[in-house]
Amino acid sequence: MQEPSTHDYRKPSDAAFYQAFAEAAARPKPADYTTPQMVDDFLSSTAMPKGERSRADIRKWGLRFAEHFKDAPAVIFEERGARGEVNTWRALWKHSPKQHDMAGTHAVRILNWAVDEGKLSEHHCHKLHRLYEVDRSEIVWTRKDREAFNAVAPEWVRRILCAKPACDRLT
């Protein structure tokens, strides 16, 4: 057999190579990789946001998610029925629509990360229903509101409130 050169880009032909590669690249065994491990992996990953407030929020909801599903292997989220389980968990905060929605947002973020990282093959928790609806269309500053604000605010704060074209029309 001829000695391969350093520039030989052919695939290895040794079956042991393929066996070793398959073992090294294999996903964790489903029963061995738990939801708390998945959350811990996410929290220590580069997928975490840079902002301290965002990191704290994700950590809070991630740890709540991990605590609720503490005995569950992460692979349960590959089943359709897991969507109902996640909704049942989110319902713990149905008294606060913002918190209810935040719970789902962060759980799905962790599950999306797990799929992207190959820790799950899929999940069924996309597009969870939301309770919180916001309509700020009625929050309008009238001329009277602006005049009252400008009467007490320092100049630099008045400039922050005012976008130049809008202020020109109001003065």
C-alpha atoms as a PDB file:
ATOM      1  CA  MET A   1       0.000   0.000   0.000  1.00  0.00           C
ATOM      2  CA  GLN A   2       1.253   3.446  -0.902  1.00  0.00           C
ATOM      3  CA  GLU A   3       1.964   5.925   1.910  1.00  0.00           C
ATOM      4  CA  PRO A   4      -0.596   8.815   1.766  1.00  0.00           C
ATOM      5  CA  SER A   5       0.857  12.266   1.174  1.00  0.00           C
ATOM      6  CA  THR A   6       0.185  15.201   3.476  1.00  0.00           C
ATOM      7  CA  HIS A   7      -2.055  16.607   0.735  1.00  0.00           C
ATOM      8  CA  ASP A   8      -4.250  13.521   0.444  1.00  0.00           C
ATOM      9  CA  TYR A   9      -7.842  14.738   1.005  1.00  0.00           C
ATOM     10  CA  ARG A  10      -9.557  11.404   0.519  1.00  0.00           C
ATOM     11  CA  LYS A  11     -11.933  10.140   3.158  1.00  0.00           C
ATOM     12  CA  PRO A  12     -10.485   7.688   5.662  1.00  0.00           C
ATOM     13  CA  SER A  13     -11.254   4.117   4.723  1.00  0.00           C
ATOM     14  CA  ASP A  14     -10.822   2.596   8.175  1.00  0.00           C
ATOM     15  CA  ALA A  15     -14.157   1.458   9.652  1.00  0.00           C
ATOM     16  CA  ALA A  16     -12.831   2.247  13.134  1.00  0.00           C
ATOM     17  CA  PHE A  17     -12.589   5.910  12.108  1.00  0.00           C
ATOM     18  CA  TYR A  18     -16.289   6.025  11.252  1.00  0.00           C
ATOM     19  CA  GLN A  19     -17.225   4.280  14.505  1.00  0.00           C
ATOM     20  CA  ALA A  20     -15.128   6.708  16.558  1.00  0.00           C
ATOM     21  CA  PHE A  21     -16.542   9.691  14.662  1.00  0.00           C
ATOM     22  CA  ALA A  22     -20.145   8.515  15.204  1.00  0.00           C
ATOM     23  CA  GLU A  23     -19.535   8.120  18.928  1.00  0.00           C
ATOM     24  CA  ALA A  24     -17.862  11.515  19.222  1.00  0.00           C
ATOM     25  CA  ALA A  25     -20.596  13.324  17.276  1.00  0.00           C
ATOM     26  CA  ALA A  26     -23.556  11.500  18.829  1.00  0.00           C
ATOM     27  CA  ARG A  27     -26.210  13.424  20.683  1.00  0.00           C
ATOM     28  CA  PRO A  28     -26.398  12.733  24.397  1.00  0.00           C
ATOM     29  CA  LYS A  29     -28.485   9.693  25.219  1.00  0.00           C
ATOM     30  CA  PRO A  30     -32.090  10.927  25.578  1.00  0.00           C
ATOM     31  CA  ALA A  31     -32.636   9.646  29.097  1.00  0.00           C
ATOM     32  CA  ASP A  32     -29.258  10.954  30.254  1.00  0.00           C
ATOM     33  CA  TYR A  33     -29.659  14.540  29.055  1.00  0.00           C
ATOM     34  CA  THR A  34     -32.127  16.222  31.372  1.00  0.00           C
ATOM     35  CA  THR A  35     -33.981  19.499  31.053  1.00  0.00           C
ATOM     36  CA  PRO A  36     -31.921  21.118  33.842  1.00  0.00           C
ATOM     37  CA  GLN A  37     -28.720  20.119  32.000  1.00  0.00           C
ATOM     38  CA  MET A  38     -30.090  21.610  28.808  1.00  0.00           C
ATOM     39  CA  VAL A  39     -30.904  24.871  30.598  1.00  0.00           C
ATOM     40  CA  ASP A  40     -27.469  24.951  32.239  1.00  0.00           C
ATOM     41  CA  ASP A  41     -25.825  24.371  28.862  1.00  0.00           C
ATOM     42  CA  PHE A  42     -27.850  27.214  27.370  1.00  0.00           C
ATOM     43  CA  LEU A  43     -27.077  29.592  30.250  1.00  0.00           C
ATOM     44  CA  SER A  44     -23.347  28.989  29.826  1.00  0.00           C
ATOM     45  CA  SER A  45     -23.435  29.219  26.023  1.00  0.00           C
ATOM     46  CA  THR A  46     -22.557  32.025  23.654  1.00  0.00           C
ATOM     47  CA  ALA A  47     -26.270  32.278  22.814  1.00  0.00           C
ATOM     48  CA  MET A  48     -26.822  34.317  25.950  1.00  0.00           C
ATOM     49  CA  PRO A  49     -27.355  38.017  25.253  1.00  0.00           C
ATOM     50  CA  LYS A  50     -24.741  40.572  26.235  1.00  0.00           C
ATOM     51  CA  GLY A  51     -27.057  42.858  28.231  1.00  0.00           C
ATOM     52  CA  GLU A  52     -27.088  42.240  31.965  1.00  0.00           C
ATOM     53  CA  ARG A  53     -30.862  42.790  32.296  1.00  0.00           C
ATOM     54  CA  SER A  54     -31.603  40.366  29.459  1.00  0.00           C
ATOM     55  CA  ARG A  55     -29.201  37.800  30.916  1.00  0.00           C
ATOM     56  CA  ALA A  56     -30.905  38.076  34.307  1.00  0.00           C
ATOM     57  CA  ASP A  57     -34.380  37.628  32.767  1.00  0.00           C
ATOM     58  CA  ILE A  58     -33.357  34.579  30.753  1.00  0.00           C
ATOM     59  CA  ARG A  59     -31.610  33.095  33.768  1.00  0.00           C
ATOM     60  CA  LYS A  60     -34.688  33.612  35.972  1.00  0.00           C
ATOM     61  CA  TRP A  61     -37.076  32.002  33.495  1.00  0.00           C
ATOM     62  CA  GLY A  62     -34.611  29.308  32.457  1.00  0.00           C
ATOM     63  CA  LEU A  63     -34.130  28.216  36.058  1.00  0.00           C
ATOM     64  CA  ARG A  64     -37.900  28.190  36.604  1.00  0.00           C
ATOM     65  CA  PHE A  65     -38.259  26.054  33.479  1.00  0.00           C
ATOM     66  CA  ALA A  66     -35.511  23.687  34.681  1.00  0.00           C
ATOM     67  CA  GLU A  67     -37.079  23.407  38.142  1.00  0.00           C
ATOM     68  CA  HIS A  68     -40.515  22.571  36.768  1.00  0.00           C
ATOM     69  CA  PHE A  69     -39.173  19.923  34.372  1.00  0.00           C
ATOM     70  CA  LYS A  70     -36.385  18.802  36.711  1.00  0.00           C
ATOM     71  CA  ASP A  71     -37.034  15.073  36.378  1.00  0.00           C
ATOM     72  CA  ALA A  72     -37.729  15.127  32.651  1.00  0.00           C
ATOM     73  CA  PRO A  73     -35.292  14.137  29.957  1.00  0.00           C
ATOM     74  CA  ALA A  74     -34.929  16.967  27.436  1.00  0.00           C
ATOM     75  CA  VAL A  75     -36.079  14.635  24.655  1.00  0.00           C
ATOM     76  CA  ILE A  76     -39.697  14.985  25.886  1.00  0.00           C
ATOM     77  CA  PHE A  77     -39.861  18.307  24.042  1.00  0.00           C
ATOM     78  CA  GLU A  78     -39.542  16.432  20.752  1.00  0.00           C
ATOM     79  CA  GLU A  79     -43.033  15.007  21.380  1.00  0.00           C
ATOM     80  CA  ARG A  80     -46.153  16.956  20.348  1.00  0.00           C
ATOM     81  CA  GLY A  81     -47.650  16.550  23.808  1.00  0.00           C
ATOM     82  CA  ALA A  82     -44.849  18.621  25.300  1.00  0.00           C
ATOM     83  CA  ARG A  83     -46.550  21.741  23.962  1.00  0.00           C
ATOM     84  CA  GLY A  84     -49.400  21.118  26.391  1.00  0.00           C
ATOM     85  CA  GLU A  85     -46.929  20.568  29.223  1.00  0.00           C
ATOM     86  CA  VAL A  86     -45.216  23.878  28.479  1.00  0.00           C
ATOM     87  CA  ASN A  87     -48.588  25.642  28.321  1.00  0.00           C
ATOM     88  CA  THR A  88     -49.546  24.110  31.672  1.00  0.00           C
ATOM     89  CA  TRP A  89     -46.294  25.439  33.147  1.00  0.00           C
ATOM     90  CA  ARG A  90     -46.898  28.904  31.657  1.00  0.00           C
ATOM     91  CA  ALA A  91     -50.409  28.893  33.105  1.00  0.00           C
ATOM     92  CA  LEU A  92     -48.833  29.222  36.557  1.00  0.00           C
ATOM     93  CA  TRP A  93     -48.530  32.918  35.614  1.00  0.00           C
ATOM     94  CA  LYS A  94     -51.908  33.377  33.937  1.00  0.00           C
ATOM     95  CA  HIS A  95     -52.698  36.030  36.561  1.00  0.00           C
ATOM     96  CA  SER A  96     -49.981  38.164  34.912  1.00  0.00           C
ATOM     97  CA  PRO A  97     -50.200  38.093  31.126  1.00  0.00           C
ATOM     98  CA  LYS A  98     -46.724  39.614  30.670  1.00  0.00           C
ATOM     99  CA  GLN A  99     -45.126  36.951  32.883  1.00  0.00           C
ATOM    100  CA  HIS A 100     -47.149  34.196  31.203  1.00  0.00           C
ATOM    101  CA  ASP A 101     -45.839  35.280  27.818  1.00  0.00           C
ATOM    102  CA  MET A 102     -42.291  35.821  29.101  1.00  0.00           C
ATOM    103  CA  ALA A 103     -42.202  32.247  30.428  1.00  0.00           C
ATOM    104  CA  GLY A 104     -43.061  30.910  26.982  1.00  0.00           C
ATOM    105  CA  THR A 105     -40.690  33.249  25.163  1.00  0.00           C
ATOM    106  CA  HIS A 106     -37.685  32.145  27.191  1.00  0.00           C
ATOM    107  CA  ALA A 107     -38.596  28.447  27.201  1.00  0.00           C
ATOM    108  CA  VAL A 108     -38.878  28.496  23.406  1.00  0.00           C
ATOM    109  CA  ARG A 109     -35.588  30.369  23.135  1.00  0.00           C
ATOM    110  CA  ILE A 110     -33.869  27.580  25.088  1.00  0.00           C
ATOM    111  CA  LEU A 111     -35.576  24.878  23.007  1.00  0.00           C
ATOM    112  CA  ASN A 112     -34.615  26.626  19.748  1.00  0.00           C
ATOM    113  CA  TRP A 113     -31.024  26.768  20.959  1.00  0.00           C
ATOM    114  CA  ALA A 114     -31.112  23.047  21.835  1.00  0.00           C
ATOM    115  CA  VAL A 115     -32.285  22.213  18.301  1.00  0.00           C
ATOM    116  CA  ASP A 116     -29.629  24.471  16.750  1.00  0.00           C
ATOM    117  CA  GLU A 117     -26.943  22.805  18.865  1.00  0.00           C
ATOM    118  CA  GLY A 118     -28.097  19.281  17.984  1.00  0.00           C
ATOM    119  CA  LYS A 119     -29.234  18.440  21.504  1.00  0.00           C
ATOM    120  CA  LEU A 120     -32.828  18.003  20.294  1.00  0.00           C
ATOM    121  CA  SER A 121     -33.937  17.063  16.810  1.00  0.00           C
ATOM    122  CA  GLU A 122     -37.041  19.288  17.001  1.00  0.00           C
ATOM    123  CA  HIS A 123     -39.606  20.753  19.371  1.00  0.00           C
ATOM    124  CA  HIS A 124     -43.296  21.621  19.072  1.00  0.00           C
ATOM    125  CA  CYS A 125     -43.491  24.776  21.154  1.00  0.00           C
ATOM    126  CA  HIS A 126     -43.271  27.338  18.364  1.00  0.00           C
ATOM    127  CA  LYS A 127     -45.758  30.237  18.294  1.00  0.00           C
ATOM    128  CA  LEU A 128     -47.337  29.687  21.711  1.00  0.00           C
ATOM    129  CA  HIS A 129     -50.479  31.740  22.250  1.00  0.00           C
ATOM    130  CA  ARG A 130     -50.057  35.045  24.033  1.00  0.00           C
ATOM    131  CA  LEU A 131     -52.196  36.664  26.701  1.00  0.00           C
ATOM    132  CA  TYR A 132     -50.635  40.117  26.832  1.00  0.00           C
ATOM    133  CA  GLU A 133     -51.867  42.607  24.298  1.00  0.00           C
ATOM    134  CA  VAL A 134     -50.640  46.133  24.173  1.00  0.00           C
ATOM    135  CA  ASP A 135     -52.227  49.097  22.461  1.00  0.00           C
ATOM    136  CA  ARG A 136     -50.460  52.356  23.070  1.00  0.00           C
ATOM    137  CA  SER A 137     -52.187  54.194  20.250  1.00  0.00           C
ATOM    138  CA  GLU A 138     -54.180  56.257  22.763  1.00  0.00           C
ATOM    139  CA  ILE A 139     -51.072  57.459  24.594  1.00  0.00           C
ATOM    140  CA  VAL A 140     -50.605  60.814  22.919  1.00  0.00           C
ATOM    141  CA  TRP A 141     -49.034  63.886  24.434  1.00  0.00           C
ATOM    142  CA  THR A 142     -51.269  66.878  23.906  1.00  0.00           C
ATOM    143  CA  ARG A 143     -49.993  70.442  23.660  1.00  0.00           C
ATOM    144  CA  LYS A 144     -51.149  70.938  27.269  1.00  0.00           C
ATOM    145  CA  ASP A 145     -49.163  67.835  28.414  1.00  0.00           C
ATOM    146  CA  ARG A 146     -46.027  69.112  26.675  1.00  0.00           C
ATOM    147  CA  GLU A 147     -46.381  72.604  28.114  1.00  0.00           C
ATOM    148  CA  ALA A 148     -46.783  71.195  31.645  1.00  0.00           C
ATOM    149  CA  PHE A 149     -43.719  68.993  31.171  1.00  0.00           C
ATOM    150  CA  ASN A 150     -41.619  71.774  29.657  1.00  0.00           C
ATOM    151  CA  ALA A 151     -42.505  74.115  32.530  1.00  0.00           C
ATOM    152  CA  VAL A 152     -40.626  71.917  35.024  1.00  0.00           C
ATOM    153  CA  ALA A 153     -38.123  69.902  32.992  1.00  0.00           C
ATOM    154  CA  PRO A 154     -34.561  71.086  32.433  1.00  0.00           C
ATOM    155  CA  GLU A 155     -33.590  72.012  28.869  1.00  0.00           C
ATOM    156  CA  TRP A 156     -31.596  68.831  28.237  1.00  0.00           C
ATOM    157  CA  VAL A 157     -34.593  66.675  29.226  1.00  0.00           C
ATOM    158  CA  ARG A 158     -36.949  68.695  27.034  1.00  0.00           C
ATOM    159  CA  ARG A 159     -34.616  68.044  24.092  1.00  0.00           C
ATOM    160  CA  ILE A 160     -34.769  64.273  24.748  1.00  0.00           C
ATOM    161  CA  LEU A 161     -38.552  64.302  24.665  1.00  0.00           C
ATOM    162  CA  CYS A 162     -38.741  66.311  21.479  1.00  0.00           C
ATOM    163  CA  ALA A 163     -37.974  65.068  17.984  1.00  0.00           C
ATOM    164  CA  LYS A 164     -37.057  68.151  15.963  1.00  0.00           C
ATOM    165  CA  PRO A 165     -39.736  68.005  13.209  1.00  0.00           C
ATOM    166  CA  ALA A 166     -42.442  67.175  15.745  1.00  0.00           C
ATOM    167  CA  CYS A 167     -41.366  70.013  18.064  1.00  0.00           C
ATOM    168  CA  ASP A 168     -41.346  72.527  15.243  1.00  0.00           C
ATOM    169  CA  ARG A 169     -44.972  71.728  14.538  1.00  0.00           C
ATOM    170  CA  LEU A 170     -45.942  71.992  18.212  1.00  0.00           C
ATOM    171  CA  THR A 171     -44.270  75.293  19.085  1.00  0.00           C
END
